[in-house]
């Protein structure tokens, strides 16, 4: 009689294990299909999203001090030059104009003549940002 109980218990254990493995496999299959569907929908919706021409034109306003990519916020104090003079000298040597706002430094891409007039001053810049570069549409003193 114990041999029959052992066979019966083995059969129940085998069936339960098979059912659990099948359920787990189906759960993984459905989760994968749901994830694939969600990714496909997000790619589809972003591909068909219309570009609003006004978004690029409006820009964003940033505030800070115009300086250069060599000196940054700290100009040489013993040079006897003002921050504006130091900025202009560094730009003539090949540096780019930058906007320093606290710990953030942005490269400025725009009319060098307009930016140069306000070198070393605290200003407001309106433009579009791409990474750490601001494409300047307007600049004004604060």
C-alpha atoms as a PDB file:
ATOM      1  CA  UNK A   1       0.000   0.000   0.000  1.00  0.00           C
ATOM      2  CA  UNK A   2       2.818   2.438   0.705  1.00  0.00           C
ATOM      3  CA  UNK A   3       4.191   1.868  -2.770  1.00  0.00           C
ATOM      4  CA  UNK A   4       0.892   3.063  -4.246  1.00  0.00           C
ATOM      5  CA  UNK A   5       0.889   6.161  -1.999  1.00  0.00           C
ATOM      6  CA  UNK A   6       4.442   6.959  -3.115  1.00  0.00           C
ATOM      7  CA  UNK A   7       3.474   6.683  -6.795  1.00  0.00           C
ATOM      8  CA  UNK A   8       0.405   8.812  -6.254  1.00  0.00           C
ATOM      9  CA  UNK A   9       2.454  11.480  -4.429  1.00  0.00           C
ATOM     10  CA  UNK A  10       5.063  11.490  -7.215  1.00  0.00           C
ATOM     11  CA  UNK A  11       2.337  11.934  -9.819  1.00  0.00           C
ATOM     12  CA  UNK A  12       0.757  14.859  -7.925  1.00  0.00           C
ATOM     13  CA  UNK A  13       4.176  16.508  -7.457  1.00  0.00           C
ATOM     14  CA  UNK A  14       4.985  16.079 -11.150  1.00  0.00           C
ATOM     15  CA  UNK A  15       1.638  17.558 -12.232  1.00  0.00           C
ATOM     16  CA  UNK A  16       1.942  20.508  -9.831  1.00  0.00           C
ATOM     17  CA  UNK A  17       5.493  21.248 -10.995  1.00  0.00           C
ATOM     18  CA  UNK A  18       4.447  21.034 -14.643  1.00  0.00           C
ATOM     19  CA  UNK A  19       1.524  23.385 -14.018  1.00  0.00           C
ATOM     20  CA  UNK A  20       3.759  25.932 -12.239  1.00  0.00           C
ATOM     21  CA  UNK A  21       6.395  25.856 -14.986  1.00  0.00           C
ATOM     22  CA  UNK A  22       3.689  26.250 -17.654  1.00  0.00           C
ATOM     23  CA  UNK A  23       2.094  29.168 -15.773  1.00  0.00           C
ATOM     24  CA  UNK A  24       5.469  30.864 -15.356  1.00  0.00           C
ATOM     25  CA  UNK A  25       6.257  30.379 -19.043  1.00  0.00           C
ATOM     26  CA  UNK A  26       2.915  31.871 -20.087  1.00  0.00           C
ATOM     27  CA  UNK A  27       3.389  34.819 -17.712  1.00  0.00           C
ATOM     28  CA  UNK A  28       6.798  35.555 -19.243  1.00  0.00           C
ATOM     29  CA  UNK A  29       5.347  35.224 -22.743  1.00  0.00           C
ATOM     30  CA  UNK A  30       2.475  37.639 -22.027  1.00  0.00           C
ATOM     31  CA  UNK A  31       4.778  40.118 -20.260  1.00  0.00           C
ATOM     32  CA  UNK A  32       7.159  40.103 -23.229  1.00  0.00           C
ATOM     33  CA  UNK A  33       4.309  40.591 -25.686  1.00  0.00           C
ATOM     34  CA  UNK A  34       2.905  43.477 -23.624  1.00  0.00           C
ATOM     35  CA  UNK A  35       6.311  45.146 -23.430  1.00  0.00           C
ATOM     36  CA  UNK A  36       6.871  44.736 -27.173  1.00  0.00           C
ATOM     37  CA  UNK A  37       3.438  46.211 -27.884  1.00  0.00           C
ATOM     38  CA  UNK A  38       4.087  49.186 -25.566  1.00  0.00           C
ATOM     39  CA  UNK A  39       7.448  49.916 -27.201  1.00  0.00           C
ATOM     40  CA  UNK A  40       5.913  49.673 -30.672  1.00  0.00           C
ATOM     41  CA  UNK A  41       3.108  52.070 -29.677  1.00  0.00           C
ATOM     42  CA  UNK A  42       5.532  54.611 -28.192  1.00  0.00           C
ATOM     43  CA  UNK A  43       7.714  54.505 -31.302  1.00  0.00           C
ATOM     44  CA  UNK A  44       4.652  54.833 -33.501  1.00  0.00           C
ATOM     45  CA  UNK A  45       3.269  57.824 -31.570  1.00  0.00           C
ATOM     46  CA  UNK A  46       6.626  59.648 -31.457  1.00  0.00           C
ATOM     47  CA  UNK A  47       7.212  59.064 -35.179  1.00  0.00           C
ATOM     48  CA  UNK A  48       3.874  60.643 -36.099  1.00  0.00           C
ATOM     49  CA  UNK A  49       4.030  63.535 -33.644  1.00  0.00           C
ATOM     50  CA  UNK A  50       3.820  66.815 -35.578  1.00  0.00           C
ATOM     51  CA  UNK A  51       6.622  69.299 -35.047  1.00  0.00           C
ATOM     52  CA  UNK A  52       5.378  72.644 -33.817  1.00  0.00           C
ATOM     53  CA  UNK A  53       7.407  75.343 -35.563  1.00  0.00           C
ATOM     54  CA  UNK A  54       6.650  77.743 -32.724  1.00  0.00           C
ATOM     55  CA  UNK A  55       8.460  75.559 -30.173  1.00  0.00           C
ATOM     56  CA  UNK A  56      11.870  76.095 -31.750  1.00  0.00           C
ATOM     57  CA  UNK A  57      11.296  79.793 -32.320  1.00  0.00           C
ATOM     58  CA  UNK A  58      10.160  80.697 -28.808  1.00  0.00           C
ATOM     59  CA  UNK A  59      13.247  79.520 -26.976  1.00  0.00           C
ATOM     60  CA  UNK A  60      14.045  79.708 -23.308  1.00  0.00           C
ATOM     61  CA  UNK A  61      15.584  82.488 -21.213  1.00  0.00           C
ATOM     62  CA  UNK A  62      18.820  81.952 -19.298  1.00  0.00           C
ATOM     63  CA  UNK A  63      20.569  84.357 -16.932  1.00  0.00           C
ATOM     64  CA  UNK A  64      24.244  84.560 -16.075  1.00  0.00           C
ATOM     65  CA  UNK A  65      27.535  86.267 -16.849  1.00  0.00           C
ATOM     66  CA  UNK A  66      29.079  86.283 -20.315  1.00  0.00           C
ATOM     67  CA  UNK A  67      32.627  85.021 -20.137  1.00  0.00           C
ATOM     68  CA  UNK A  68      34.898  82.771 -22.199  1.00  0.00           C
ATOM     69  CA  UNK A  69      35.671  79.069 -22.386  1.00  0.00           C
ATOM     70  CA  UNK A  70      39.263  79.525 -21.172  1.00  0.00           C
ATOM     71  CA  UNK A  71      38.800  81.532 -17.966  1.00  0.00           C
ATOM     72  CA  UNK A  72      35.200  80.650 -17.200  1.00  0.00           C
ATOM     73  CA  UNK A  73      33.939  82.427 -14.092  1.00  0.00           C
ATOM     74  CA  UNK A  74      37.430  83.004 -12.684  1.00  0.00           C
ATOM     75  CA  UNK A  75      39.484  85.530 -14.596  1.00  0.00           C
ATOM     76  CA  UNK A  76      43.106  86.127 -13.653  1.00  0.00           C
ATOM     77  CA  UNK A  77      42.937  88.760 -10.905  1.00  0.00           C
ATOM     78  CA  UNK A  78      46.577  89.765 -11.207  1.00  0.00           C
ATOM     79  CA  UNK A  79      46.278  90.535 -14.933  1.00  0.00           C
ATOM     80  CA  UNK A  80      45.004  94.056 -14.294  1.00  0.00           C
ATOM     81  CA  UNK A  81      42.204  93.460 -16.817  1.00  0.00           C
ATOM     82  CA  UNK A  82      38.488  93.732 -16.209  1.00  0.00           C
ATOM     83  CA  UNK A  83      36.373  90.596 -16.759  1.00  0.00           C
ATOM     84  CA  UNK A  84      35.143  92.126 -20.044  1.00  0.00           C
ATOM     85  CA  UNK A  85      38.693  92.810 -21.280  1.00  0.00           C
ATOM     86  CA  UNK A  86      39.876  89.362 -20.215  1.00  0.00           C
ATOM     87  CA  UNK A  87      36.922  87.732 -21.989  1.00  0.00           C
ATOM     88  CA  UNK A  88      37.619  89.614 -25.223  1.00  0.00           C
ATOM     89  CA  UNK A  89      41.344  88.760 -25.104  1.00  0.00           C
ATOM     90  CA  UNK A  90      40.596  85.066 -24.601  1.00  0.00           C
ATOM     91  CA  UNK A  91      38.048  85.076 -27.451  1.00  0.00           C
ATOM     92  CA  UNK A  92      40.661  86.643 -29.751  1.00  0.00           C
ATOM     93  CA  UNK A  93      42.988  83.792 -28.753  1.00  0.00           C
ATOM     94  CA  UNK A  94      40.399  81.240 -29.901  1.00  0.00           C
ATOM     95  CA  UNK A  95      38.099  80.767 -26.908  1.00  0.00           C
ATOM     96  CA  UNK A  96      34.324  80.725 -27.297  1.00  0.00           C
ATOM     97  CA  UNK A  97      31.833  82.911 -25.488  1.00  0.00           C
ATOM     98  CA  UNK A  98      30.122  81.125 -22.622  1.00  0.00           C
ATOM     99  CA  UNK A  99      27.349  81.883 -20.170  1.00  0.00           C
ATOM    100  CA  UNK A 100      28.112  81.035 -16.552  1.00  0.00           C
ATOM    101  CA  UNK A 101      25.139  80.601 -14.236  1.00  0.00           C
ATOM    102  CA  UNK A 102      26.302  79.282 -10.866  1.00  0.00           C
ATOM    103  CA  UNK A 103      27.842  75.878 -11.556  1.00  0.00           C
ATOM    104  CA  UNK A 104      26.362  75.650 -15.055  1.00  0.00           C
ATOM    105  CA  UNK A 105      28.395  76.691 -18.089  1.00  0.00           C
ATOM    106  CA  UNK A 106      26.758  77.004 -21.506  1.00  0.00           C
ATOM    107  CA  UNK A 107      28.523  77.599 -24.826  1.00  0.00           C
ATOM    108  CA  UNK A 108      26.941  80.503 -26.715  1.00  0.00           C
ATOM    109  CA  UNK A 109      26.299  80.186 -30.431  1.00  0.00           C
ATOM    110  CA  UNK A 110      25.081  83.396 -32.018  1.00  0.00           C
ATOM    111  CA  UNK A 111      26.067  86.877 -33.147  1.00  0.00           C
ATOM    112  CA  UNK A 112      29.544  87.431 -31.718  1.00  0.00           C
ATOM    113  CA  UNK A 113      29.144  91.208 -32.116  1.00  0.00           C
ATOM    114  CA  UNK A 114      26.002  91.282 -29.947  1.00  0.00           C
ATOM    115  CA  UNK A 115      27.519  88.992 -27.335  1.00  0.00           C
ATOM    116  CA  UNK A 116      30.821  90.920 -27.310  1.00  0.00           C
ATOM    117  CA  UNK A 117      29.066  94.172 -26.377  1.00  0.00           C
ATOM    118  CA  UNK A 118      27.958  92.578 -23.104  1.00  0.00           C
ATOM    119  CA  UNK A 119      31.112  90.573 -22.301  1.00  0.00           C
ATOM    120  CA  UNK A 120      31.789  90.347 -18.584  1.00  0.00           C
ATOM    121  CA  UNK A 121      28.288  91.552 -17.676  1.00  0.00           C
ATOM    122  CA  UNK A 122      25.320  89.833 -16.055  1.00  0.00           C
ATOM    123  CA  UNK A 123      22.802  89.273 -18.846  1.00  0.00           C
ATOM    124  CA  UNK A 124      19.662  87.441 -19.963  1.00  0.00           C
ATOM    125  CA  UNK A 125      19.939  85.247 -23.037  1.00  0.00           C
ATOM    126  CA  UNK A 126      16.975  83.915 -24.970  1.00  0.00           C
ATOM    127  CA  UNK A 127      17.539  80.980 -27.271  1.00  0.00           C
ATOM    128  CA  UNK A 128      17.246  77.273 -27.804  1.00  0.00           C
ATOM    129  CA  UNK A 129      19.420  74.786 -25.981  1.00  0.00           C
ATOM    130  CA  UNK A 130      20.983  71.638 -27.387  1.00  0.00           C
ATOM    131  CA  UNK A 131      23.072  69.809 -24.812  1.00  0.00           C
ATOM    132  CA  UNK A 132      25.191  72.529 -23.220  1.00  0.00           C
ATOM    133  CA  UNK A 133      25.048  74.944 -26.186  1.00  0.00           C
ATOM    134  CA  UNK A 134      22.588  77.826 -26.364  1.00  0.00           C
ATOM    135  CA  UNK A 135      21.775  79.125 -29.839  1.00  0.00           C
ATOM    136  CA  UNK A 136      21.228  82.783 -29.017  1.00  0.00           C
ATOM    137  CA  UNK A 137      18.244  84.617 -30.477  1.00  0.00           C
ATOM    138  CA  UNK A 138      18.518  87.679 -28.208  1.00  0.00           C
ATOM    139  CA  UNK A 139      20.746  88.971 -25.438  1.00  0.00           C
ATOM    140  CA  UNK A 140      20.092  91.834 -23.016  1.00  0.00           C
ATOM    141  CA  UNK A 141      21.760  93.232 -19.878  1.00  0.00           C
ATOM    142  CA  UNK A 142      20.072  92.583 -16.546  1.00  0.00           C
END
